[in-house]
Amino acid sequence: MNSYRKFIIYGPTETLMRIAELITEQVKPMHAYRYKPNGYDSVQVNIYEEHNKLLNSSTTINLILETGETSVKVILYVTGGRTGFRGSMVGIEPNEPQIQETIYEFLVDFSNRHGLSIQEHKVVEPEQGN
């Protein structure tokens, strides 16, 4: 299972600069890396991992935040898991939120509370010819 979601969040510079640090505080990553070449631009990469003991599988979530003066580009890349294998997704606890949904809800909630504009860009994968 490989998938990713891409968002762009627009708003005031001061508010956009807070997204990366607040999401790291709210949803603790296993690893975090931040690169800040100048005053406004920065790139932050957070890596999360979910392990499902019942299915003996793990899912890795990579969150990439590219902050600029007027926008934040967010890429949420999910790899791993065991979907479609003998109904293996049936055993996952429905009441326990997955990390990628928690991150998505944080981004939408933060954008709504601070009056930011969030746009999701649909990723169209090219068809492979035989």
Protein backbone atom coordinates (compact mmCIF):
# COMPACT_ATOMS: atom_id res chain seq x y z
CA MET A 1 0.00 0.00 0.00
CA ASN A 2 1.62 3.21 -1.21
CA SER A 3 -0.33 6.43 -1.30
CA TYR A 4 0.13 10.10 -0.74
CA ARG A 5 -1.90 13.24 -0.29
CA LYS A 6 -0.75 16.72 -1.20
CA PHE A 7 -2.06 19.98 0.29
CA ILE A 8 -1.21 23.64 0.00
CA ILE A 9 -2.17 25.95 2.86
CA TYR A 10 -2.30 29.72 2.23
CA GLY A 11 -2.33 32.46 4.86
CA PRO A 12 -0.29 35.02 6.83
CA THR A 13 3.41 34.25 7.18
CA GLU A 14 3.46 34.29 11.01
CA THR A 15 0.65 31.73 11.22
CA LEU A 16 2.15 29.47 8.55
CA MET A 17 5.48 29.39 10.38
CA ARG A 18 3.77 27.86 13.44
CA ILE A 19 2.27 24.84 11.65
CA ALA A 20 5.45 22.73 11.58
CA GLU A 21 6.32 23.20 15.26
CA LEU A 22 2.73 22.73 16.47
CA ILE A 23 2.15 19.51 14.52
CA THR A 24 5.40 18.11 15.94
CA GLU A 25 4.19 18.93 19.46
CA GLN A 26 0.65 17.57 18.93
CA VAL A 27 1.53 14.37 17.05
CA LYS A 28 4.96 13.16 18.23
CA PRO A 29 7.05 11.74 15.36
CA MET A 30 9.64 8.97 15.66
CA HIS A 31 12.12 11.15 13.75
CA ALA A 32 12.05 14.83 12.81
CA TYR A 33 14.38 16.87 10.63
CA ARG A 34 14.17 20.61 9.95
CA TYR A 35 16.17 22.64 7.45
CA LYS A 36 15.89 26.44 7.44
CA PRO A 37 18.08 28.07 4.77
CA ASN A 38 16.80 31.66 5.26
CA GLY A 39 14.26 33.73 7.21
CA TYR A 40 10.98 32.42 5.81
CA ASP A 41 11.66 29.22 3.91
CA SER A 42 12.01 25.94 5.76
CA VAL A 43 11.55 22.24 5.13
CA GLN A 44 10.51 19.85 7.88
CA VAL A 45 10.26 16.08 7.56
CA ASN A 46 8.50 14.04 10.26
CA ILE A 47 8.47 10.25 10.19
CA TYR A 48 5.78 8.30 12.02
CA GLU A 49 5.26 4.55 12.32
CA GLU A 50 2.19 2.54 13.28
CA HIS A 51 2.57 -1.12 14.17
CA ASN A 52 -0.37 -3.52 14.16
CA LYS A 53 0.59 -6.52 16.30
CA LEU A 54 -2.49 -8.51 15.32
CA LEU A 55 -1.55 -8.41 11.63
CA ASN A 56 2.22 -8.24 12.19
CA SER A 57 2.49 -5.27 9.86
CA SER A 58 3.65 -1.70 10.12
CA THR A 59 2.81 1.47 8.25
CA THR A 60 5.26 4.32 7.84
CA ILE A 61 3.97 7.86 7.38
CA ASN A 62 6.29 10.57 6.03
CA LEU A 63 5.09 14.14 6.52
CA ILE A 64 6.92 16.79 4.50
CA LEU A 65 6.19 20.46 5.22
CA GLU A 66 7.71 23.06 2.88
CA THR A 67 7.07 26.49 4.39
CA GLY A 68 7.32 29.65 2.27
CA GLU A 69 6.29 33.27 2.76
CA THR A 70 2.72 32.80 1.55
CA SER A 71 2.06 29.06 1.67
CA VAL A 72 2.92 25.70 3.19
CA LYS A 73 3.13 22.70 0.90
CA VAL A 74 2.22 19.51 2.78
CA ILE A 75 2.94 16.01 1.45
CA LEU A 76 1.65 13.05 3.45
CA TYR A 77 3.20 9.84 2.10
CA VAL A 78 2.04 6.47 3.48
CA THR A 79 3.87 3.17 2.85
CA GLY A 80 3.59 -0.36 4.20
CA GLY A 81 0.65 -2.26 5.64
CA ARG A 82 -1.08 -5.37 4.34
CA THR A 83 -4.26 -4.31 2.58
CA GLY A 84 -6.21 -6.86 0.57
CA PHE A 85 -4.44 -9.90 2.00
CA ARG A 86 -7.16 -12.32 3.18
CA GLY A 87 -9.25 -9.46 4.53
CA SER A 88 -6.43 -8.31 6.78
CA MET A 89 -7.83 -4.77 7.17
CA VAL A 90 -10.85 -6.23 8.98
CA GLY A 91 -8.81 -6.83 12.14
CA ILE A 92 -7.77 -3.20 12.62
CA GLU A 93 -9.43 -1.46 15.55
CA PRO A 94 -12.08 0.89 14.13
CA ASN A 95 -12.12 3.11 17.24
CA GLU A 96 -8.38 3.82 17.19
CA PRO A 97 -7.54 6.65 14.75
CA GLN A 98 -4.67 6.10 12.36
CA ILE A 99 -1.81 8.57 12.44
CA GLN A 100 -2.43 9.87 8.92
CA GLU A 101 -6.03 10.72 9.84
CA THR A 102 -4.86 12.45 13.02
CA ILE A 103 -2.41 14.56 10.99
CA TYR A 104 -5.06 15.39 8.39
CA GLU A 105 -7.57 16.41 11.08
CA PHE A 106 -4.92 18.62 12.74
CA LEU A 107 -4.18 20.42 9.46
CA VAL A 108 -7.86 21.03 8.68
CA ASP A 109 -8.64 22.11 12.26
CA PHE A 110 -5.63 24.46 12.42
CA SER A 111 -6.56 25.99 9.06
CA ASN A 112 -10.17 26.54 10.12
CA ARG A 113 -9.29 28.03 13.51
CA HIS A 114 -6.79 30.50 12.04
CA GLY A 115 -8.70 31.42 8.88
CA LEU A 116 -6.25 29.79 6.48
CA SER A 117 -7.13 28.43 3.06
CA ILE A 118 -6.33 24.73 2.57
CA GLN A 119 -6.45 23.09 -0.85
CA GLU A 120 -5.95 19.41 -1.56
CA HIS A 121 -4.29 18.57 -4.84
CA LYS A 122 -5.50 15.29 -6.29
CA VAL A 123 -2.62 13.14 -7.39
CA VAL A 124 -3.26 11.38 -10.68
CA GLU A 125 -0.97 8.43 -11.23
CA PRO A 126 -0.14 7.68 -14.87
CA GLU A 127 -1.46 4.44 -16.29
CA GLN A 128 1.16 1.86 -17.15
CA GLY A 129 0.90 0.31 -20.59
CA ASN A 130 1.49 -3.38 -21.20
